[in-house]
């Protein structure tokens, strides 16, 4: 049953706008990276440190998400969301002011803590407010708005980066415009501490079967966290390495790089918009196979072609797969975990989601130095296709394993 105020248009709009902040956290400044690297060229190992400016927030999201999950379960959703949005604007915009790479990295660390609070509370509030088909549809809508926000902020970030690499940092001040909306439109939901969900682990054929589930299905959560980790290591090859790849491939400027990355998020948003309908036809496991297939095909195209236009085709296909990933993982968790433990479970998945983003340049940078960026993308695509085939072949034993009650 929906909580009071959950059907308010203003409440829905606030939740969706707040969700766009998570995409802004890293990718907004992606078009600035080549110019930033040039500015800090005298810093030792500048290429790696500048890439970490993009992904360092993910490390602190990892640290902050587990803490945020505990806080929202014990002290409530709204206070943390307000504090996180206020910190987000301050920490995010600090990169415009600082002229030290170290100080910029410190600001990005605090931005990570803010994103952790926003990501966990926004998704938990959606799971609290809605249930059943309404929950699936709204989680798809959330992912779509995250993608559309990415299109807008990446395009704007690319344009601003062409003027000055610092200007995209000012986009983070958008969060301060949302603080009054959060205070006015979001209400603390009533939670049933002893509630136990009835949805069963998806067999790939049906969504659920009657019967009770443990409040914290550990094996399922381990599986979901592993999927989140792997897919984000692969996904973040786009914002981290694509500006450099496109410059190497087609001498693309910051605006062209921003638009290319925005195209992936646009197709991600489009597939997310249809998530509710897709979920009515496919189970969680089948959607994961589709995600791996689309991302694998997209990355393979990016790595194997040699023109800007064809890279855009690969980005569109990969983005379409990515748009189905987050609502699938979040809905699966929300369907299986009790109200009292939902914040911690979503905090755990968010931890691994952003851990993958942080690890991406640490994995891809040494590899790309040895084999080149085109081969790195091709290898990533091949890995995703192999994983998709493995999920298809091992669907029944995996579902049986994660459906077994954890000790």
Foldseek 3Di string as FASTA:
>chain_A
DFFPLCPPPLLLVLLLVLLLLLLLLALLLLLLLVVVCVLVVVDPPSLLLSLCLRQVLLQLLLVQLLVLLVCCLPPNQLVLLLVLLVLQQVLLLVLLPDPDSVSSSVSSNSNSNSSSSSQLSSLLSLLQRDDDLSSLQSLLQSLLSNLVSLLVSLLVSLVVSVVPSSVSSNVSNVSVVSSVSSVPRDDTGDFDQPDWFQAAQDLWADGGDGDTADQPLPLVLVVLLVLLQLVLLLVLCLSSPVSVVCCVQPVDHSNLSSNLLSLLSNLLSVLSNCRSVVCVGTYLLVLLLQLLLQLLQLLLQLLPDRDSVSNSVSSNSNSNSNSNSRSSSSNSLSNGHGSSSSSSSSSNSSSSNSVSSSCNCVVVVVVCVPVNSSVSSNVSSVVSNVVSVVCVVCSNVSSVVSSDGDD
